[in-house]
Amino acid sequence: MANTTSFETHKSSDWDERIAFVLIFVPCFVVLLSFAVVGQLIGMRWKSWLPGAENMPNIISGVKASVYTFMSHII
């Protein structure tokens, strides 16, 4: 019985970590994507604004890399 309880607690913890990851990743992605889109529309070099996006081939992968870089600094 104790093993079932510890398994359920561990499973709940994994779920909480996933929810926390999504609650951090999605807003950061939206904000940084908006910066990148505005920079792209104005014709500026937006990749230098976002850490980790310098060598990425497109806007989505650049923003994704910058979000992961940003998240590594806050976690």
PDB file of N, CA and C in Angstrom:
ATOM      1  N   MET A   1       0.822  -1.183   0.000  1.00  0.00           N
ATOM      2  CA  MET A   1       0.000   0.000   0.000  1.00  0.00           C
ATOM      3  C   MET A   1       0.867   1.248   0.000  1.00  0.00           C
ATOM      4  N   ALA A   2       1.994   1.202   0.711  1.00  0.00           N
ATOM      5  CA  ALA A   2       2.876   2.364   0.764  1.00  0.00           C
ATOM      6  C   ALA A   2       3.490   2.644  -0.603  1.00  0.00           C
ATOM      7  N   ASN A   3       3.774   1.590  -1.360  1.00  0.00           N
ATOM      8  CA  ASN A   3       4.339   1.791  -2.694  1.00  0.00           C
ATOM      9  C   ASN A   3       3.364   2.492  -3.623  1.00  0.00           C
ATOM     10  N   THR A   4       2.083   2.163  -3.527  1.00  0.00           N
ATOM     11  CA  THR A   4       1.074   2.800  -4.361  1.00  0.00           C
ATOM     12  C   THR A   4       0.983   4.288  -4.043  1.00  0.00           C
ATOM     13  N   THR A   5       1.028   4.622  -2.769  1.00  0.00           N
ATOM     14  CA  THR A   5       0.963   6.015  -2.360  1.00  0.00           C
ATOM     15  C   THR A   5       2.174   6.788  -2.853  1.00  0.00           C
ATOM     16  N   SER A   6       3.365   6.207  -2.730  1.00  0.00           N
ATOM     17  CA  SER A   6       4.559   6.916  -3.198  1.00  0.00           C
ATOM     18  C   SER A   6       4.546   7.062  -4.714  1.00  0.00           C
ATOM     19  N   PHE A   7       4.010   6.061  -5.425  1.00  0.00           N
ATOM     20  CA  PHE A   7       3.915   6.157  -6.881  1.00  0.00           C
ATOM     21  C   PHE A   7       2.952   7.269  -7.273  1.00  0.00           C
ATOM     22  N   GLU A   8       1.810   7.347  -6.595  1.00  0.00           N
ATOM     23  CA  GLU A   8       0.845   8.391  -6.901  1.00  0.00           C
ATOM     24  C   GLU A   8       1.414   9.769  -6.602  1.00  0.00           C
ATOM     25  N   THR A   9       2.170   9.893  -5.533  1.00  0.00           N
ATOM     26  CA  THR A   9       2.803  11.158  -5.187  1.00  0.00           C
ATOM     27  C   THR A   9       3.822  11.541  -6.245  1.00  0.00           C
ATOM     28  N   HIS A  10       4.616  10.570  -6.698  1.00  0.00           N
ATOM     29  CA  HIS A  10       5.620  10.832  -7.741  1.00  0.00           C
ATOM     30  C   HIS A  10       4.942  11.232  -9.048  1.00  0.00           C
ATOM     31  N   LYS A  11       3.860  10.542  -9.393  1.00  0.00           N
ATOM     32  CA  LYS A  11       3.130  10.845 -10.620  1.00  0.00           C
ATOM     33  C   LYS A  11       2.522  12.247 -10.545  1.00  0.00           C
ATOM     34  N   SER A  12       2.002  12.618  -9.407  1.00  0.00           N
ATOM     35  CA  SER A  12       1.447  13.952  -9.224  1.00  0.00           C
ATOM     36  C   SER A  12       2.531  15.015  -9.345  1.00  0.00           C
ATOM     37  N   SER A  13       3.707  14.719  -8.817  1.00  0.00           N
ATOM     38  CA  SER A  13       4.822  15.654  -8.900  1.00  0.00           C
ATOM     39  C   SER A  13       5.243  15.878 -10.352  1.00  0.00           C
ATOM     40  N   ASP A  14       5.289  14.810 -11.150  1.00  0.00           N
ATOM     41  CA  ASP A  14       5.625  14.944 -12.575  1.00  0.00           C
ATOM     42  C   ASP A  14       4.594  15.805 -13.291  1.00  0.00           C
ATOM     43  N   TRP A  15       3.328  15.612 -12.956  1.00  0.00           N
ATOM     44  CA  TRP A  15       2.265  16.406 -13.570  1.00  0.00           C
ATOM     45  C   TRP A  15       2.420  17.872 -13.194  1.00  0.00           C
ATOM     46  N   ASP A  16       2.729  18.153 -11.936  1.00  0.00           N
ATOM     47  CA  ASP A  16       2.925  19.525 -11.491  1.00  0.00           C
ATOM     48  C   ASP A  16       4.100  20.185 -12.198  1.00  0.00           C
ATOM     49  N   GLU A  17       5.172  19.429 -12.417  1.00  0.00           N
ATOM     50  CA  GLU A  17       6.332  19.965 -13.125  1.00  0.00           C
ATOM     51  C   GLU A  17       5.996  20.272 -14.578  1.00  0.00           C
ATOM     52  N   ARG A  18       5.200  19.432 -15.198  1.00  0.00           N
ATOM     53  CA  ARG A  18       4.799  19.688 -16.586  1.00  0.00           C
ATOM     54  C   ARG A  18       3.929  20.930 -16.691  1.00  0.00           C
ATOM     55  N   ILE A  19       3.009  21.072 -15.765  1.00  0.00           N
ATOM     56  CA  ILE A  19       2.147  22.255 -15.764  1.00  0.00           C
ATOM     57  C   ILE A  19       2.976  23.515 -15.543  1.00  0.00           C
ATOM     58  N   ALA A  20       3.922  23.455 -14.604  1.00  0.00           N
ATOM     59  CA  ALA A  20       4.783  24.611 -14.340  1.00  0.00           C
ATOM     60  C   ALA A  20       5.623  24.947 -15.567  1.00  0.00           C
ATOM     61  N   PHE A  21       6.131  23.930 -16.252  1.00  0.00           N
ATOM     62  CA  PHE A  21       6.918  24.151 -17.461  1.00  0.00           C
ATOM     63  C   PHE A  21       6.090  24.855 -18.528  1.00  0.00           C
ATOM     64  N   VAL A  22       4.856  24.378 -18.732  1.00  0.00           N
ATOM     65  CA  VAL A  22       3.984  24.976 -19.743  1.00  0.00           C
ATOM     66  C   VAL A  22       3.625  26.406 -19.353  1.00  0.00           C
ATOM     67  N   LEU A  23       3.361  26.643 -18.069  1.00  0.00           N
ATOM     68  CA  LEU A  23       2.989  27.986 -17.624  1.00  0.00           C
ATOM     69  C   LEU A  23       4.141  28.980 -17.736  1.00  0.00           C
ATOM     70  N   ILE A  24       5.364  28.490 -17.796  1.00  0.00           N
ATOM     71  CA  ILE A  24       6.511  29.370 -18.009  1.00  0.00           C
ATOM     72  C   ILE A  24       6.834  29.462 -19.499  1.00  0.00           C
ATOM     73  N   PHE A  25       6.838  28.320 -20.195  1.00  0.00           N
ATOM     74  CA  PHE A  25       7.265  28.274 -21.589  1.00  0.00           C
ATOM     75  C   PHE A  25       6.338  29.059 -22.517  1.00  0.00           C
ATOM     76  N   VAL A  26       5.046  28.838 -22.398  1.00  0.00           N
ATOM     77  CA  VAL A  26       4.094  29.431 -23.346  1.00  0.00           C
ATOM     78  C   VAL A  26       4.088  30.963 -23.281  1.00  0.00           C
ATOM     79  N   PRO A  27       3.963  31.580 -22.101  1.00  0.00           N
ATOM     80  CA  PRO A  27       3.998  33.054 -22.102  1.00  0.00           C
ATOM     81  C   PRO A  27       5.325  33.622 -22.588  1.00  0.00           C
ATOM     82  N   CYS A  28       6.428  32.987 -22.210  1.00  0.00           N
ATOM     83  CA  CYS A  28       7.738  33.457 -22.685  1.00  0.00           C
ATOM     84  C   CYS A  28       7.841  33.319 -24.198  1.00  0.00           C
ATOM     85  N   PHE A  29       7.339  32.211 -24.739  1.00  0.00           N
ATOM     86  CA  PHE A  29       7.378  32.000 -26.176  1.00  0.00           C
ATOM     87  C   PHE A  29       6.565  33.067 -26.903  1.00  0.00           C
ATOM     88  N   VAL A  30       5.374  33.378 -26.390  1.00  0.00           N
ATOM     89  CA  VAL A  30       4.513  34.371 -27.027  1.00  0.00           C
ATOM     90  C   VAL A  30       5.175  35.752 -27.001  1.00  0.00           C
ATOM     91  N   VAL A  31       5.748  36.130 -25.867  1.00  0.00           N
ATOM     92  CA  VAL A  31       6.390  37.452 -25.761  1.00  0.00           C
ATOM     93  C   VAL A  31       7.596  37.547 -26.684  1.00  0.00           C
ATOM     94  N   LEU A  32       8.458  36.544 -26.655  1.00  0.00           N
ATOM     95  CA  LEU A  32       9.654  36.588 -27.492  1.00  0.00           C
ATOM     96  C   LEU A  32       9.312  36.454 -28.978  1.00  0.00           C
ATOM     97  N   LEU A  33       8.274  35.692 -29.290  1.00  0.00           N
ATOM     98  CA  LEU A  33       7.840  35.597 -30.685  1.00  0.00           C
ATOM     99  C   LEU A  33       7.327  36.942 -31.176  1.00  0.00           C
ATOM    100  N   SER A  34       6.630  37.668 -30.323  1.00  0.00           N
ATOM    101  CA  SER A  34       6.151  38.984 -30.739  1.00  0.00           C
ATOM    102  C   SER A  34       7.318  39.932 -31.003  1.00  0.00           C
ATOM    103  N   PHE A  35       8.367  39.884 -30.166  1.00  0.00           N
ATOM    104  CA  PHE A  35       9.561  40.691 -30.427  1.00  0.00           C
ATOM    105  C   PHE A  35      10.195  40.312 -31.764  1.00  0.00           C
ATOM    106  N   ALA A  36      10.286  39.014 -32.017  1.00  0.00           N
ATOM    107  CA  ALA A  36      10.908  38.553 -33.258  1.00  0.00           C
ATOM    108  C   ALA A  36      10.086  38.944 -34.483  1.00  0.00           C
ATOM    109  N   VAL A  37       8.768  38.831 -34.397  1.00  0.00           N
ATOM    110  CA  VAL A  37       7.911  39.186 -35.529  1.00  0.00           C
ATOM    111  C   VAL A  37       7.988  40.684 -35.806  1.00  0.00           C
ATOM    112  N   VAL A  38       7.944  41.483 -34.750  1.00  0.00           N
ATOM    113  CA  VAL A  38       8.064  42.938 -34.936  1.00  0.00           C
ATOM    114  C   VAL A  38       9.418  43.277 -35.551  1.00  0.00           C
ATOM    115  N   GLY A  39      10.473  42.666 -35.048  1.00  0.00           N
ATOM    116  CA  GLY A  39      11.797  42.898 -35.611  1.00  0.00           C
ATOM    117  C   GLY A  39      11.893  42.476 -37.058  1.00  0.00           C
ATOM    118  N   GLN A  40      11.271  41.352 -37.391  1.00  0.00           N
ATOM    119  CA  GLN A  40      11.269  40.869 -38.777  1.00  0.00           C
ATOM    120  C   GLN A  40      10.507  41.833 -39.681  1.00  0.00           C
ATOM    121  N   LEU A  41       9.365  42.330 -39.206  1.00  0.00           N
ATOM    122  CA  LEU A  41       8.556  43.244 -40.015  1.00  0.00           C
ATOM    123  C   LEU A  41       9.235  44.590 -40.230  1.00  0.00           C
ATOM    124  N   ILE A  42       9.979  45.051 -39.233  1.00  0.00           N
ATOM    125  CA  ILE A  42      10.677  46.333 -39.361  1.00  0.00           C
ATOM    126  C   ILE A  42      11.943  46.182 -40.187  1.00  0.00           C
ATOM    127  N   GLY A  43      12.450  44.970 -40.280  1.00  0.00           N
ATOM    128  CA  GLY A  43      13.667  44.732 -41.035  1.00  0.00           C
ATOM    129  C   GLY A  43      14.922  44.812 -40.190  1.00  0.00           C
ATOM    130  N   MET A  44      14.778  44.668 -38.881  1.00  0.00           N
ATOM    131  CA  MET A  44      15.940  44.728 -37.992  1.00  0.00           C
ATOM    132  C   MET A  44      16.473  43.320 -37.746  1.00  0.00           C
ATOM    133  N   ARG A  45      17.678  43.255 -37.232  1.00  0.00           N
ATOM    134  CA  ARG A  45      18.305  41.973 -36.929  1.00  0.00           C
ATOM    135  C   ARG A  45      17.861  41.510 -35.545  1.00  0.00           C
ATOM    136  N   TRP A  46      16.707  40.843 -35.484  1.00  0.00           N
ATOM    137  CA  TRP A  46      16.101  40.443 -34.223  1.00  0.00           C
ATOM    138  C   TRP A  46      16.849  39.299 -33.558  1.00  0.00           C
ATOM    139  N   LYS A  47      17.594  38.526 -34.308  1.00  0.00           N
ATOM    140  CA  LYS A  47      18.304  37.387 -33.718  1.00  0.00           C
ATOM    141  C   LYS A  47      19.341  37.827 -32.693  1.00  0.00           C
ATOM    142  N   SER A  48      19.891  39.011 -32.855  1.00  0.00           N
ATOM    143  CA  SER A  48      20.868  39.495 -31.873  1.00  0.00           C
ATOM    144  C   SER A  48      20.182  39.969 -30.592  1.00  0.00           C
ATOM    145  N   TRP A  49      18.876  40.194 -30.624  1.00  0.00           N
ATOM    146  CA  TRP A  49      18.137  40.606 -29.437  1.00  0.00           C
ATOM    147  C   TRP A  49      17.875  39.431 -28.499  1.00  0.00           C
ATOM    148  N   LEU A  50      17.736  38.226 -29.075  1.00  0.00           N
ATOM    149  CA  LEU A  50      17.349  37.054 -28.294  1.00  0.00           C
ATOM    150  C   LEU A  50      18.537  36.129 -28.075  1.00  0.00           C
ATOM    151  N   PRO A  51      18.859  35.825 -26.823  1.00  0.00           N
ATOM    152  CA  PRO A  51      19.986  34.925 -26.565  1.00  0.00           C
ATOM    153  C   PRO A  51      19.666  33.506 -27.034  1.00  0.00           C
ATOM    154  N   GLY A  52      20.591  32.907 -27.730  1.00  0.00           N
ATOM    155  CA  GLY A  52      20.420  31.549 -28.221  1.00  0.00           C
ATOM    156  C   GLY A  52      19.846  31.453 -29.615  1.00  0.00           C
ATOM    157  N   ALA A  53      19.394  32.554 -30.190  1.00  0.00           N
ATOM    158  CA  ALA A  53      18.752  32.522 -31.503  1.00  0.00           C
ATOM    159  C   ALA A  53      19.691  32.915 -32.628  1.00  0.00           C
ATOM    160  N   GLU A  54      20.931  33.169 -32.332  1.00  0.00           N
ATOM    161  CA  GLU A  54      21.848  33.727 -33.323  1.00  0.00           C
ATOM    162  C   GLU A  54      22.042  32.843 -34.548  1.00  0.00           C
ATOM    163  N   ASN A  55      22.148  31.523 -34.378  1.00  0.00           N
ATOM    164  CA  ASN A  55      22.470  30.635 -35.497  1.00  0.00           C
ATOM    165  C   ASN A  55      21.288  29.799 -35.964  1.00  0.00           C
ATOM    166  N   MET A  56      20.083  30.175 -35.611  1.00  0.00           N
ATOM    167  CA  MET A  56      18.906  29.387 -35.986  1.00  0.00           C
ATOM    168  C   MET A  56      18.409  29.793 -37.374  1.00  0.00           C
ATOM    169  N   PRO A  57      17.920  28.810 -38.150  1.00  0.00           N
ATOM    170  CA  PRO A  57      17.541  29.095 -39.539  1.00  0.00           C
ATOM    171  C   PRO A  57      16.212  29.817 -39.720  1.00  0.00           C
ATOM    172  N   ASN A  58      15.273  29.671 -38.770  1.00  0.00           N
ATOM    173  CA  ASN A  58      13.978  30.334 -38.945  1.00  0.00           C
ATOM    174  C   ASN A  58      13.507  30.953 -37.631  1.00  0.00           C
ATOM    175  N   ILE A  59      12.405  31.655 -37.694  1.00  0.00           N
ATOM    176  CA  ILE A  59      11.936  32.436 -36.558  1.00  0.00           C
ATOM    177  C   ILE A  59      11.445  31.543 -35.402  1.00  0.00           C
ATOM    178  N   ILE A  60      10.768  30.459 -35.713  1.00  0.00           N
ATOM    179  CA  ILE A  60      10.231  29.582 -34.664  1.00  0.00           C
ATOM    180  C   ILE A  60      11.353  28.891 -33.904  1.00  0.00           C
ATOM    181  N   SER A  61      12.317  28.335 -34.603  1.00  0.00           N
ATOM    182  CA  SER A  61      13.422  27.667 -33.911  1.00  0.00           C
ATOM    183  C   SER A  61      14.284  28.670 -33.148  1.00  0.00           C
ATOM    184  N   GLY A  62      14.409  29.876 -33.669  1.00  0.00           N
ATOM    185  CA  GLY A  62      15.158  30.906 -32.958  1.00  0.00           C
ATOM    186  C   GLY A  62      14.483  31.322 -31.665  1.00  0.00           C
ATOM    187  N   VAL A  63      13.176  31.488 -31.716  1.00  0.00           N
ATOM    188  CA  VAL A  63      12.427  31.859 -30.513  1.00  0.00           C
ATOM    189  C   VAL A  63      12.421  30.713 -29.517  1.00  0.00           C
ATOM    190  N   LYS A  64      12.271  29.496 -30.001  1.00  0.00           N
ATOM    191  CA  LYS A  64      12.286  28.327 -29.112  1.00  0.00           C
ATOM    192  C   LYS A  64      13.633  28.211 -28.400  1.00  0.00           C
ATOM    193  N   ALA A  65      14.720  28.403 -29.128  1.00  0.00           N
ATOM    194  CA  ALA A  65      16.055  28.349 -28.516  1.00  0.00           C
ATOM    195  C   ALA A  65      16.240  29.462 -27.500  1.00  0.00           C
ATOM    196  N   SER A  66      15.721  30.634 -27.782  1.00  0.00           N
ATOM    197  CA  SER A  66      15.876  31.742 -26.841  1.00  0.00           C
ATOM    198  C   SER A  66      15.022  31.528 -25.597  1.00  0.00           C
ATOM    199  N   VAL A  67      13.853  30.908 -25.733  1.00  0.00           N
ATOM    200  CA  VAL A  67      13.028  30.612 -24.556  1.00  0.00           C
ATOM    201  C   VAL A  67      13.730  29.597 -23.667  1.00  0.00           C
ATOM    202  N   TYR A  68      14.301  28.553 -24.266  1.00  0.00           N
ATOM    203  CA  TYR A  68      15.034  27.573 -23.464  1.00  0.00           C
ATOM    204  C   TYR A  68      16.242  28.215 -22.782  1.00  0.00           C
ATOM    205  N   THR A  69      16.924  29.120 -23.459  1.00  0.00           N
ATOM    206  CA  THR A  69      18.047  29.825 -22.855  1.00  0.00           C
ATOM    207  C   THR A  69      17.564  30.698 -21.706  1.00  0.00           C
ATOM    208  N   PHE A  70      16.474  31.408 -21.917  1.00  0.00           N
ATOM    209  CA  PHE A  70      15.896  32.250 -20.874  1.00  0.00           C
ATOM    210  C   PHE A  70      15.455  31.410 -19.674  1.00  0.00           C
ATOM    211  N   MET A  71      14.805  30.275 -19.931  1.00  0.00           N
ATOM    212  CA  MET A  71      14.324  29.431 -18.850  1.00  0.00           C
ATOM    213  C   MET A  71      15.472  28.850 -18.041  1.00  0.00           C
ATOM    214  N   SER A  72      16.600  28.579 -18.675  1.00  0.00           N
ATOM    215  CA  SER A  72      17.739  28.040 -17.928  1.00  0.00           C
ATOM    216  C   SER A  72      18.291  29.066 -16.943  1.00  0.00           C
ATOM    217  N   HIS A  73      18.060  30.339 -17.206  1.00  0.00           N
ATOM    218  CA  HIS A  73      18.512  31.377 -16.285  1.00  0.00           C
ATOM    219  C   HIS A  73      17.559  31.593 -15.120  1.00  0.00           C
ATOM    220  N   ILE A  74      16.274  31.328 -15.312  1.00  0.00           N
ATOM    221  CA  ILE A  74      15.320  31.589 -14.231  1.00  0.00           C
ATOM    222  C   ILE A  74      15.029  30.367 -13.373  1.00  0.00           C
ATOM    223  N   ILE A  75      15.356  29.187 -13.837  1.00  0.00           N
ATOM    224  CA  ILE A  75      15.068  27.979 -13.048  1.00  0.00           C
ATOM    225  C   ILE A  75      16.280  27.544 -12.274  1.00  0.00           C
TER     226      ILE A  75
END
